[in-house]
């Protein structure tokens, strides 16, 4: 958990801006291209590497809570090994919590990616992102001939998707403890 604490102390926005700057260097970009690693893959890897931190805290707290549960003690009493206890008792009880937390993390990561792409730090053309589409529409908002729909529809699609995922996360049951089965 100390590694999680250290990684959680690094602001994600600064980390991504730093990596985009470093990866923008010609020598670094050529070295990564020779290895077959693109800028987009590294961007998503950095976002994924930092997005799991809150999930780790929640899963650890739930495991510590379940560790003293009577079903775990009963499974130990009948001679179940650690692998069986994890597979039959811990993982099924963690599944609901993990699914609900994922339904809350995914919209946050989508919004972060769109925000960075809107600023020009995330996905780059020819790849497509709602942030890139909104940026292109925003640039089309000129005073003489505004094309407001080029900005409105990508932003509205992103907002509706994030809202739908939020409602999905709110509607999912957080899961309850399963009863003991030998």
C-alpha atoms as a PDB file:
ATOM      1  CA  UNK A   1       0.000   0.000   0.000  1.00  0.00           C
ATOM      2  CA  UNK A   2       2.969   2.341   0.370  1.00  0.00           C
ATOM      3  CA  UNK A   3       3.551   2.123  -3.380  1.00  0.00           C
ATOM      4  CA  UNK A   4      -0.105   3.074  -3.869  1.00  0.00           C
ATOM      5  CA  UNK A   5       0.375   6.026  -1.497  1.00  0.00           C
ATOM      6  CA  UNK A   6       3.427   7.237  -3.417  1.00  0.00           C
ATOM      7  CA  UNK A   7       1.729   6.899  -6.813  1.00  0.00           C
ATOM      8  CA  UNK A   8      -1.424   8.546  -5.473  1.00  0.00           C
ATOM      9  CA  UNK A   9       0.572  11.577  -4.370  1.00  0.00           C
ATOM     10  CA  UNK A  10       1.602  12.354  -7.970  1.00  0.00           C
ATOM     11  CA  UNK A  11      -0.932  14.610  -9.723  1.00  0.00           C
ATOM     12  CA  UNK A  12      -2.074  12.804 -12.860  1.00  0.00           C
ATOM     13  CA  UNK A  13      -2.329  15.958 -14.954  1.00  0.00           C
ATOM     14  CA  UNK A  14       1.283  16.931 -14.246  1.00  0.00           C
ATOM     15  CA  UNK A  15       2.469  13.390 -14.908  1.00  0.00           C
ATOM     16  CA  UNK A  16       0.730  13.255 -18.287  1.00  0.00           C
ATOM     17  CA  UNK A  17       1.957  16.727 -19.293  1.00  0.00           C
ATOM     18  CA  UNK A  18       5.505  15.728 -18.310  1.00  0.00           C
ATOM     19  CA  UNK A  19       5.331  12.487 -20.275  1.00  0.00           C
ATOM     20  CA  UNK A  20       3.829  14.186 -23.332  1.00  0.00           C
ATOM     21  CA  UNK A  21       6.671  16.705 -23.225  1.00  0.00           C
ATOM     22  CA  UNK A  22       9.335  14.026 -22.843  1.00  0.00           C
ATOM     23  CA  UNK A  23       7.761  11.802 -25.480  1.00  0.00           C
ATOM     24  CA  UNK A  24       7.534  14.747 -27.861  1.00  0.00           C
ATOM     25  CA  UNK A  25      11.311  14.844 -28.150  1.00  0.00           C
ATOM     26  CA  UNK A  26      12.406  13.559 -31.550  1.00  0.00           C
ATOM     27  CA  UNK A  27      15.041  11.157 -30.193  1.00  0.00           C
ATOM     28  CA  UNK A  28      12.647   9.607 -27.673  1.00  0.00           C
ATOM     29  CA  UNK A  29       9.857   9.323 -30.228  1.00  0.00           C
ATOM     30  CA  UNK A  30      12.151   7.617 -32.752  1.00  0.00           C
ATOM     31  CA  UNK A  31      13.423   5.192 -30.106  1.00  0.00           C
ATOM     32  CA  UNK A  32       9.888   4.282 -29.067  1.00  0.00           C
ATOM     33  CA  UNK A  33       8.766   3.922 -32.693  1.00  0.00           C
ATOM     34  CA  UNK A  34      11.632   1.513 -33.334  1.00  0.00           C
ATOM     35  CA  UNK A  35      10.307  -0.605 -30.437  1.00  0.00           C
ATOM     36  CA  UNK A  36       6.774  -0.436 -31.816  1.00  0.00           C
ATOM     37  CA  UNK A  37       5.474   1.610 -28.891  1.00  0.00           C
ATOM     38  CA  UNK A  38       3.295   4.534 -29.891  1.00  0.00           C
ATOM     39  CA  UNK A  39       2.548   7.726 -28.002  1.00  0.00           C
ATOM     40  CA  UNK A  40      -1.094   6.708 -27.622  1.00  0.00           C
ATOM     41  CA  UNK A  41      -0.179   3.398 -25.975  1.00  0.00           C
ATOM     42  CA  UNK A  42       2.020   5.158 -23.444  1.00  0.00           C
ATOM     43  CA  UNK A  43      -0.693   7.761 -22.771  1.00  0.00           C
ATOM     44  CA  UNK A  44      -3.251   5.057 -22.016  1.00  0.00           C
ATOM     45  CA  UNK A  45      -0.729   3.067 -19.965  1.00  0.00           C
ATOM     46  CA  UNK A  46      -0.016   6.097 -17.769  1.00  0.00           C
ATOM     47  CA  UNK A  47      -3.709   6.825 -17.266  1.00  0.00           C
ATOM     48  CA  UNK A  48      -4.383   3.164 -16.447  1.00  0.00           C
ATOM     49  CA  UNK A  49      -1.391   2.977 -14.106  1.00  0.00           C
ATOM     50  CA  UNK A  50      -2.772   5.783 -11.971  1.00  0.00           C
ATOM     51  CA  UNK A  51      -6.497   4.975 -12.253  1.00  0.00           C
ATOM     52  CA  UNK A  52      -6.339   1.706 -10.323  1.00  0.00           C
ATOM     53  CA  UNK A  53      -5.094   3.326  -7.100  1.00  0.00           C
ATOM     54  CA  UNK A  54      -8.473   4.071  -5.520  1.00  0.00           C
ATOM     55  CA  UNK A  55      -9.629   0.576  -6.504  1.00  0.00           C
ATOM     56  CA  UNK A  56      -6.669  -0.916  -4.638  1.00  0.00           C
ATOM     57  CA  UNK A  57      -7.620   0.918  -1.456  1.00  0.00           C
ATOM     58  CA  UNK A  58     -11.234  -0.230  -1.624  1.00  0.00           C
ATOM     59  CA  UNK A  59     -10.342  -3.857  -2.385  1.00  0.00           C
ATOM     60  CA  UNK A  60      -7.803  -3.912   0.442  1.00  0.00           C
ATOM     61  CA  UNK A  61     -10.360  -2.536   2.904  1.00  0.00           C
ATOM     62  CA  UNK A  62     -12.941  -5.133   1.815  1.00  0.00           C
ATOM     63  CA  UNK A  63     -10.405  -7.977   2.105  1.00  0.00           C
ATOM     64  CA  UNK A  64      -9.453  -6.810   5.606  1.00  0.00           C
ATOM     65  CA  UNK A  65     -13.144  -6.732   6.489  1.00  0.00           C
ATOM     66  CA  UNK A  66     -13.754 -10.222   5.090  1.00  0.00           C
ATOM     67  CA  UNK A  67     -10.619 -11.664   6.663  1.00  0.00           C
ATOM     68  CA  UNK A  68     -12.312 -11.883  10.026  1.00  0.00           C
ATOM     69  CA  UNK A  69     -15.681 -13.063   8.696  1.00  0.00           C
ATOM     70  CA  UNK A  70     -17.133 -16.272  10.042  1.00  0.00           C
ATOM     71  CA  UNK A  71     -17.282 -17.833   6.575  1.00  0.00           C
ATOM     72  CA  UNK A  72     -13.500 -17.491   6.247  1.00  0.00           C
ATOM     73  CA  UNK A  73     -12.942 -18.957   9.697  1.00  0.00           C
ATOM     74  CA  UNK A  74     -15.344 -21.800   8.899  1.00  0.00           C
ATOM     75  CA  UNK A  75     -13.538 -22.520   5.640  1.00  0.00           C
ATOM     76  CA  UNK A  76     -10.217 -22.633   7.490  1.00  0.00           C
ATOM     77  CA  UNK A  77     -11.755 -24.918  10.104  1.00  0.00           C
ATOM     78  CA  UNK A  78     -12.807 -27.474   7.492  1.00  0.00           C
ATOM     79  CA  UNK A  79      -9.293 -27.421   6.024  1.00  0.00           C
ATOM     80  CA  UNK A  80      -9.670 -25.175   2.994  1.00  0.00           C
ATOM     81  CA  UNK A  81      -6.392 -23.796   1.714  1.00  0.00           C
ATOM     82  CA  UNK A  82      -5.674 -20.165   0.884  1.00  0.00           C
ATOM     83  CA  UNK A  83      -6.324 -20.646  -2.849  1.00  0.00           C
ATOM     84  CA  UNK A  84      -9.728 -22.194  -2.195  1.00  0.00           C
ATOM     85  CA  UNK A  85     -10.658 -19.469   0.297  1.00  0.00           C
ATOM     86  CA  UNK A  86      -9.694 -16.783  -2.197  1.00  0.00           C
ATOM     87  CA  UNK A  87     -11.510 -18.433  -5.115  1.00  0.00           C
ATOM     88  CA  UNK A  88     -14.676 -19.469  -3.285  1.00  0.00           C
ATOM     89  CA  UNK A  89     -15.136 -16.741  -0.700  1.00  0.00           C
ATOM     90  CA  UNK A  90     -13.065 -13.605  -1.270  1.00  0.00           C
ATOM     91  CA  UNK A  91     -13.390 -13.116  -5.041  1.00  0.00           C
ATOM     92  CA  UNK A  92     -17.173 -13.591  -5.185  1.00  0.00           C
ATOM     93  CA  UNK A  93     -17.584 -11.101  -2.340  1.00  0.00           C
ATOM     94  CA  UNK A  94     -15.243  -8.612  -4.004  1.00  0.00           C
ATOM     95  CA  UNK A  95     -16.856  -8.832  -7.461  1.00  0.00           C
ATOM     96  CA  UNK A  96     -19.761  -6.504  -6.664  1.00  0.00           C
ATOM     97  CA  UNK A  97     -17.532  -3.865  -5.114  1.00  0.00           C
ATOM     98  CA  UNK A  98     -15.097  -4.014  -8.028  1.00  0.00           C
ATOM     99  CA  UNK A  99     -17.843  -3.742 -10.664  1.00  0.00           C
ATOM    100  CA  UNK A 100     -19.444  -0.751  -8.943  1.00  0.00           C
ATOM    101  CA  UNK A 101     -16.088   0.992  -8.524  1.00  0.00           C
ATOM    102  CA  UNK A 102     -15.219   0.329 -12.180  1.00  0.00           C
ATOM    103  CA  UNK A 103     -18.518   1.865 -13.239  1.00  0.00           C
ATOM    104  CA  UNK A 104     -17.444   5.025 -11.420  1.00  0.00           C
ATOM    105  CA  UNK A 105     -13.822   5.041 -12.601  1.00  0.00           C
ATOM    106  CA  UNK A 106     -14.535   4.521 -16.311  1.00  0.00           C
ATOM    107  CA  UNK A 107     -16.480   7.801 -16.755  1.00  0.00           C
ATOM    108  CA  UNK A 108     -13.793   9.696 -14.859  1.00  0.00           C
ATOM    109  CA  UNK A 109     -11.070   8.284 -17.109  1.00  0.00           C
ATOM    110  CA  UNK A 110     -13.146   9.002 -20.237  1.00  0.00           C
ATOM    111  CA  UNK A 111     -13.623  12.605 -19.133  1.00  0.00           C
ATOM    112  CA  UNK A 112      -9.915  12.961 -18.348  1.00  0.00           C
ATOM    113  CA  UNK A 113      -8.912  11.568 -21.747  1.00  0.00           C
ATOM    114  CA  UNK A 114     -11.371  13.867 -23.532  1.00  0.00           C
ATOM    115  CA  UNK A 115     -10.132  16.856 -21.551  1.00  0.00           C
ATOM    116  CA  UNK A 116      -6.503  16.152 -22.434  1.00  0.00           C
ATOM    117  CA  UNK A 117      -7.408  15.522 -26.074  1.00  0.00           C
ATOM    118  CA  UNK A 118      -9.351  18.799 -26.145  1.00  0.00           C
ATOM    119  CA  UNK A 119      -6.211  20.564 -24.905  1.00  0.00           C
ATOM    120  CA  UNK A 120      -4.064  18.752 -27.484  1.00  0.00           C
ATOM    121  CA  UNK A 121      -2.188  16.625 -24.945  1.00  0.00           C
ATOM    122  CA  UNK A 122      -3.984  13.308 -25.399  1.00  0.00           C
ATOM    123  CA  UNK A 123      -5.078  11.563 -28.555  1.00  0.00           C
ATOM    124  CA  UNK A 124      -3.644  13.126 -31.694  1.00  0.00           C
ATOM    125  CA  UNK A 125      -5.039  13.073 -35.251  1.00  0.00           C
ATOM    126  CA  UNK A 126      -5.620  10.852 -37.229  1.00  0.00           C
ATOM    127  CA  UNK A 127      -6.997   9.011 -34.165  1.00  0.00           C
ATOM    128  CA  UNK A 128     -10.411  10.146 -32.978  1.00  0.00           C
ATOM    129  CA  UNK A 129     -11.616  11.233 -29.557  1.00  0.00           C
ATOM    130  CA  UNK A 130     -14.609  13.225 -28.390  1.00  0.00           C
ATOM    131  CA  UNK A 131     -12.141  15.740 -27.029  1.00  0.00           C
ATOM    132  CA  UNK A 132     -10.549  16.157 -30.459  1.00  0.00           C
ATOM    133  CA  UNK A 133     -13.949  16.515 -32.103  1.00  0.00           C
ATOM    134  CA  UNK A 134     -15.016  19.116 -29.530  1.00  0.00           C
ATOM    135  CA  UNK A 135     -11.725  20.980 -30.068  1.00  0.00           C
ATOM    136  CA  UNK A 136     -12.252  21.014 -33.832  1.00  0.00           C
ATOM    137  CA  UNK A 137     -15.777  22.303 -33.289  1.00  0.00           C
ATOM    138  CA  UNK A 138     -14.560  24.925 -30.837  1.00  0.00           C
ATOM    139  CA  UNK A 139     -12.079  26.198 -33.417  1.00  0.00           C
ATOM    140  CA  UNK A 140     -14.952  26.457 -35.891  1.00  0.00           C
ATOM    141  CA  UNK A 141     -16.766  28.906 -33.598  1.00  0.00           C
ATOM    142  CA  UNK A 142     -15.763  32.047 -35.428  1.00  0.00           C
ATOM    143  CA  UNK A 143     -17.819  35.222 -35.039  1.00  0.00           C
ATOM    144  CA  UNK A 144     -18.658  35.571 -38.746  1.00  0.00           C
ATOM    145  CA  UNK A 145     -19.959  32.089 -39.503  1.00  0.00           C
ATOM    146  CA  UNK A 146     -20.305  30.049 -36.297  1.00  0.00           C
ATOM    147  CA  UNK A 147     -20.690  26.300 -36.757  1.00  0.00           C
ATOM    148  CA  UNK A 148     -21.949  25.660 -33.225  1.00  0.00           C
ATOM    149  CA  UNK A 149     -23.128  22.132 -34.003  1.00  0.00           C
ATOM    150  CA  UNK A 150     -19.542  20.975 -34.577  1.00  0.00           C
ATOM    151  CA  UNK A 151     -18.826  21.698 -30.908  1.00  0.00           C
ATOM    152  CA  UNK A 152     -22.217  20.917 -29.398  1.00  0.00           C
ATOM    153  CA  UNK A 153     -22.768  17.379 -30.655  1.00  0.00           C
ATOM    154  CA  UNK A 154     -19.419  15.831 -29.579  1.00  0.00           C
ATOM    155  CA  UNK A 155     -19.698  17.552 -26.187  1.00  0.00           C
ATOM    156  CA  UNK A 156     -23.326  16.432 -25.845  1.00  0.00           C
ATOM    157  CA  UNK A 157     -22.447  12.842 -26.812  1.00  0.00           C
ATOM    158  CA  UNK A 158     -19.702  12.782 -24.196  1.00  0.00           C
ATOM    159  CA  UNK A 159     -21.989  14.298 -21.552  1.00  0.00           C
ATOM    160  CA  UNK A 160     -24.815  11.812 -22.272  1.00  0.00           C
ATOM    161  CA  UNK A 161     -22.399   8.863 -22.189  1.00  0.00           C
ATOM    162  CA  UNK A 162     -20.856   9.988 -18.894  1.00  0.00           C
ATOM    163  CA  UNK A 163     -24.307  10.579 -17.410  1.00  0.00           C
ATOM    164  CA  UNK A 164     -25.501   7.138 -18.544  1.00  0.00           C
ATOM    165  CA  UNK A 165     -22.427   5.465 -17.054  1.00  0.00           C
ATOM    166  CA  UNK A 166     -22.980   7.414 -13.831  1.00  0.00           C
ATOM    167  CA  UNK A 167     -26.582   6.217 -13.622  1.00  0.00           C
ATOM    168  CA  UNK A 168     -25.409   2.677 -14.362  1.00  0.00           C
ATOM    169  CA  UNK A 169     -22.930   2.895 -11.492  1.00  0.00           C
ATOM    170  CA  UNK A 170     -25.592   4.237  -9.148  1.00  0.00           C
ATOM    171  CA  UNK A 171     -28.003   1.463 -10.106  1.00  0.00           C
ATOM    172  CA  UNK A 172     -25.610  -1.435  -9.601  1.00  0.00           C
ATOM    173  CA  UNK A 173     -25.854  -3.206  -6.266  1.00  0.00           C
ATOM    174  CA  UNK A 174     -22.638  -2.975  -4.292  1.00  0.00           C
ATOM    175  CA  UNK A 175     -22.916  -6.653  -3.470  1.00  0.00           C
ATOM    176  CA  UNK A 176     -23.570  -8.403  -0.258  1.00  0.00           C
ATOM    177  CA  UNK A 177     -21.620 -11.059   1.523  1.00  0.00           C
ATOM    178  CA  UNK A 178     -22.272 -14.522   0.249  1.00  0.00           C
ATOM    179  CA  UNK A 179     -23.245 -17.209   2.657  1.00  0.00           C
ATOM    180  CA  UNK A 180     -20.709 -19.816   3.635  1.00  0.00           C
ATOM    181  CA  UNK A 181     -20.459 -22.895   1.434  1.00  0.00           C
ATOM    182  CA  UNK A 182     -17.881 -25.577   2.108  1.00  0.00           C
END
